[in-house]
Amino acid sequence: MAGDHVFKRLIAPEEIAATVMFLCSPDTAMISGLVVPVDGGMNAIC
């Protein structure tokens, strides 16, 4: 399964958490209506 991904590994829970923390931070005050795929690059090759 990991070999099917662009990065040849599965995403770690910490990486998903880091994305969530970023999206909840003040740095994203001007971001709205955005979908951020956290899928190890699978969205890019489909």
PDB file of N, CA and C in Angstrom:
ATOM      1  N   MET A   1       0.809  -1.186   0.000  1.00  0.00           N
ATOM      2  CA  MET A   1       0.000   0.000   0.000  1.00  0.00           C
ATOM      3  C   MET A   1       0.862   1.264   0.000  1.00  0.00           C
ATOM      4  N   ALA A   2       1.882   1.332   0.825  1.00  0.00           N
ATOM      5  CA  ALA A   2       2.751   2.517   0.868  1.00  0.00           C
ATOM      6  C   ALA A   2       3.472   2.710  -0.454  1.00  0.00           C
ATOM      7  N   GLY A   3       3.782   1.631  -1.142  1.00  0.00           N
ATOM      8  CA  GLY A   3       4.481   1.727  -2.419  1.00  0.00           C
ATOM      9  C   GLY A   3       3.660   2.382  -3.510  1.00  0.00           C
ATOM     10  N   ASP A   4       2.343   2.452  -3.334  1.00  0.00           N
ATOM     11  CA  ASP A   4       1.468   3.079  -4.319  1.00  0.00           C
ATOM     12  C   ASP A   4       1.488   4.602  -4.228  1.00  0.00           C
ATOM     13  N   HIS A   5       1.989   5.139  -3.136  1.00  0.00           N
ATOM     14  CA  HIS A   5       2.000   6.577  -2.928  1.00  0.00           C
ATOM     15  C   HIS A   5       3.228   7.206  -3.577  1.00  0.00           C
ATOM     16  N   VAL A   6       3.096   8.474  -3.920  1.00  0.00           N
ATOM     17  CA  VAL A   6       4.190   9.225  -4.544  1.00  0.00           C
ATOM     18  C   VAL A   6       5.435   9.217  -3.659  1.00  0.00           C
ATOM     19  N   PHE A   7       5.234   9.359  -2.347  1.00  0.00           N
ATOM     20  CA  PHE A   7       6.359   9.449  -1.420  1.00  0.00           C
ATOM     21  C   PHE A   7       6.808   8.093  -0.891  1.00  0.00           C
ATOM     22  N   LYS A   8       6.174   7.019  -1.363  1.00  0.00           N
ATOM     23  CA  LYS A   8       6.558   5.636  -1.021  1.00  0.00           C
ATOM     24  C   LYS A   8       6.459   5.325   0.466  1.00  0.00           C
ATOM     25  N   ARG A   9       5.560   6.025   1.154  1.00  0.00           N
ATOM     26  CA  ARG A   9       5.305   5.737   2.566  1.00  0.00           C
ATOM     27  C   ARG A   9       3.917   6.240   2.915  1.00  0.00           C
ATOM     28  N   LEU A  10       3.394   5.762   4.009  1.00  0.00           N
ATOM     29  CA  LEU A  10       2.105   6.236   4.477  1.00  0.00           C
ATOM     30  C   LEU A  10       2.286   7.512   5.282  1.00  0.00           C
ATOM     31  N   ILE A  11       1.272   8.325   5.305  1.00  0.00           N
ATOM     32  CA  ILE A  11       1.343   9.575   6.060  1.00  0.00           C
ATOM     33  C   ILE A  11       1.240   9.279   7.556  1.00  0.00           C
ATOM     34  N   ALA A  12       2.002   9.998   8.325  1.00  0.00           N
ATOM     35  CA  ALA A  12       1.996   9.826   9.781  1.00  0.00           C
ATOM     36  C   ALA A  12       0.890  10.683  10.387  1.00  0.00           C
ATOM     37  N   PRO A  13       0.276  10.232  11.456  1.00  0.00           N
ATOM     38  CA  PRO A  13      -0.762  11.034  12.116  1.00  0.00           C
ATOM     39  C   PRO A  13      -0.276  12.440  12.486  1.00  0.00           C
ATOM     40  N   GLU A  14       0.994  12.554  12.813  1.00  0.00           N
ATOM     41  CA  GLU A  14       1.558  13.861  13.168  1.00  0.00           C
ATOM     42  C   GLU A  14       1.531  14.821  11.980  1.00  0.00           C
ATOM     43  N   GLU A  15       1.663  14.286  10.783  1.00  0.00           N
ATOM     44  CA  GLU A  15       1.628  15.140   9.590  1.00  0.00           C
ATOM     45  C   GLU A  15       0.224  15.679   9.345  1.00  0.00           C
ATOM     46  N   ILE A  16      -0.773  14.864   9.591  1.00  0.00           N
ATOM     47  CA  ILE A  16      -2.155  15.331   9.477  1.00  0.00           C
ATOM     48  C   ILE A  16      -2.429  16.368  10.562  1.00  0.00           C
ATOM     49  N   ALA A  17      -1.966  16.094  11.780  1.00  0.00           N
ATOM     50  CA  ALA A  17      -2.152  17.032  12.888  1.00  0.00           C
ATOM     51  C   ALA A  17      -1.479  18.368  12.595  1.00  0.00           C
ATOM     52  N   ALA A  18      -0.320  18.353  11.992  1.00  0.00           N
ATOM     53  CA  ALA A  18       0.388  19.594  11.667  1.00  0.00           C
ATOM     54  C   ALA A  18      -0.412  20.423  10.663  1.00  0.00           C
ATOM     55  N   THR A  19      -1.053  19.776   9.718  1.00  0.00           N
ATOM     56  CA  THR A  19      -1.886  20.483   8.749  1.00  0.00           C
ATOM     57  C   THR A  19      -3.090  21.107   9.448  1.00  0.00           C
ATOM     58  N   VAL A  20      -3.724  20.358  10.328  1.00  0.00           N
ATOM     59  CA  VAL A  20      -4.874  20.872  11.083  1.00  0.00           C
ATOM     60  C   VAL A  20      -4.449  22.056  11.943  1.00  0.00           C
ATOM     61  N   MET A  21      -3.322  21.926  12.611  1.00  0.00           N
ATOM     62  CA  MET A  21      -2.839  23.021  13.472  1.00  0.00           C
ATOM     63  C   MET A  21      -2.553  24.278  12.649  1.00  0.00           C
ATOM     64  N   PHE A  22      -1.973  24.105  11.473  1.00  0.00           N
ATOM     65  CA  PHE A  22      -1.722  25.254  10.602  1.00  0.00           C
ATOM     66  C   PHE A  22      -3.035  25.919  10.202  1.00  0.00           C
ATOM     67  N   LEU A  23      -4.017  25.110   9.797  1.00  0.00           N
ATOM     68  CA  LEU A  23      -5.294  25.673   9.358  1.00  0.00           C
ATOM     69  C   LEU A  23      -6.060  26.350  10.494  1.00  0.00           C
ATOM     70  N   CYS A  24      -5.767  25.985  11.727  1.00  0.00           N
ATOM     71  CA  CYS A  24      -6.415  26.606  12.890  1.00  0.00           C
ATOM     72  C   CYS A  24      -5.639  27.806  13.424  1.00  0.00           C
ATOM     73  N   SER A  25      -4.522  28.104  12.826  1.00  0.00           N
ATOM     74  CA  SER A  25      -3.672  29.179  13.321  1.00  0.00           C
ATOM     75  C   SER A  25      -4.068  30.531  12.731  1.00  0.00           C
ATOM     76  N   PRO A  26      -3.620  31.615  13.349  1.00  0.00           N
ATOM     77  CA  PRO A  26      -3.884  32.954  12.818  1.00  0.00           C
ATOM     78  C   PRO A  26      -3.248  33.188  11.443  1.00  0.00           C
ATOM     79  N   ASP A  27      -2.255  32.385  11.082  1.00  0.00           N
ATOM     80  CA  ASP A  27      -1.588  32.547   9.779  1.00  0.00           C
ATOM     81  C   ASP A  27      -2.536  32.327   8.608  1.00  0.00           C
ATOM     82  N   THR A  28      -3.668  31.704   8.870  1.00  0.00           N
ATOM     83  CA  THR A  28      -4.596  31.384   7.787  1.00  0.00           C
ATOM     84  C   THR A  28      -5.853  32.241   7.836  1.00  0.00           C
ATOM     85  N   ALA A  29      -5.761  33.406   8.436  1.00  0.00           N
ATOM     86  CA  ALA A  29      -6.926  34.276   8.607  1.00  0.00           C
ATOM     87  C   ALA A  29      -7.583  34.646   7.279  1.00  0.00           C
ATOM     88  N   MET A  30      -6.829  34.695   6.209  1.00  0.00           N
ATOM     89  CA  MET A  30      -7.381  35.097   4.913  1.00  0.00           C
ATOM     90  C   MET A  30      -7.696  33.908   4.004  1.00  0.00           C
ATOM     91  N   ILE A  31      -7.590  32.703   4.515  1.00  0.00           N
ATOM     92  CA  ILE A  31      -7.915  31.508   3.733  1.00  0.00           C
ATOM     93  C   ILE A  31      -9.356  31.122   4.033  1.00  0.00           C
ATOM     94  N   SER A  32     -10.146  30.940   2.980  1.00  0.00           N
ATOM     95  CA  SER A  32     -11.522  30.478   3.165  1.00  0.00           C
ATOM     96  C   SER A  32     -11.928  29.625   1.964  1.00  0.00           C
ATOM     97  N   GLY A  33     -12.764  28.651   2.215  1.00  0.00           N
ATOM     98  CA  GLY A  33     -13.288  27.823   1.135  1.00  0.00           C
ATOM     99  C   GLY A  33     -12.238  26.989   0.432  1.00  0.00           C
ATOM    100  N   LEU A  34     -11.273  26.510   1.157  1.00  0.00           N
ATOM    101  CA  LEU A  34     -10.166  25.764   0.560  1.00  0.00           C
ATOM    102  C   LEU A  34     -10.220  24.309   0.995  1.00  0.00           C
ATOM    103  N   VAL A  35      -9.975  23.420   0.045  1.00  0.00           N
ATOM    104  CA  VAL A  35      -9.836  22.002   0.357  1.00  0.00           C
ATOM    105  C   VAL A  35      -8.351  21.672   0.277  1.00  0.00           C
ATOM    106  N   VAL A  36      -7.809  21.134   1.351  1.00  0.00           N
ATOM    107  CA  VAL A  36      -6.389  20.797   1.391  1.00  0.00           C
ATOM    108  C   VAL A  36      -6.269  19.279   1.481  1.00  0.00           C
ATOM    109  N   PRO A  37      -5.956  18.632   0.364  1.00  0.00           N
ATOM    110  CA  PRO A  37      -5.792  17.179   0.435  1.00  0.00           C
ATOM    111  C   PRO A  37      -4.499  16.815   1.168  1.00  0.00           C
ATOM    112  N   VAL A  38      -4.604  15.987   2.162  1.00  0.00           N
ATOM    113  CA  VAL A  38      -3.453  15.480   2.890  1.00  0.00           C
ATOM    114  C   VAL A  38      -3.423  13.986   2.591  1.00  0.00           C
ATOM    115  N   ASP A  39      -2.951  13.677   1.380  1.00  0.00           N
ATOM    116  CA  ASP A  39      -3.083  12.313   0.868  1.00  0.00           C
ATOM    117  C   ASP A  39      -1.789  11.745   0.310  1.00  0.00           C
ATOM    118  N   GLY A  40      -0.680  12.325   0.677  1.00  0.00           N
ATOM    119  CA  GLY A  40       0.602  11.802   0.214  1.00  0.00           C
ATOM    120  C   GLY A  40       0.831  11.940  -1.277  1.00  0.00           C
ATOM    121  N   GLY A  41       0.169  12.871  -1.900  1.00  0.00           N
ATOM    122  CA  GLY A  41       0.359  13.110  -3.333  1.00  0.00           C
ATOM    123  C   GLY A  41      -0.571  12.315  -4.239  1.00  0.00           C
ATOM    124  N   MET A  42      -1.458  11.523  -3.685  1.00  0.00           N
ATOM    125  CA  MET A  42      -2.348  10.707  -4.509  1.00  0.00           C
ATOM    126  C   MET A  42      -3.270  11.586  -5.367  1.00  0.00           C
ATOM    127  N   ASN A  43      -3.678  12.727  -4.838  1.00  0.00           N
ATOM    128  CA  ASN A  43      -4.547  13.630  -5.592  1.00  0.00           C
ATOM    129  C   ASN A  43      -3.826  14.170  -6.829  1.00  0.00           C
ATOM    130  N   ALA A  44      -2.534  14.325  -6.758  1.00  0.00           N
ATOM    131  CA  ALA A  44      -1.758  14.878  -7.861  1.00  0.00           C
ATOM    132  C   ALA A  44      -1.606  13.904  -9.018  1.00  0.00           C
ATOM    133  N   ILE A  45      -1.707  12.623  -8.763  1.00  0.00           N
ATOM    134  CA  ILE A  45      -1.487  11.639  -9.839  1.00  0.00           C
ATOM    135  C   ILE A  45      -2.773  11.031 -10.367  1.00  0.00           C
ATOM    136  N   CYS A  46      -3.913  11.410  -9.800  1.00  0.00           N
ATOM    137  CA  CYS A  46      -5.191  10.863 -10.262  1.00  0.00           C
ATOM    138  C   CYS A  46      -5.712  11.584 -11.471  1.00  0.00           C
TER     139      CYS A  46
END
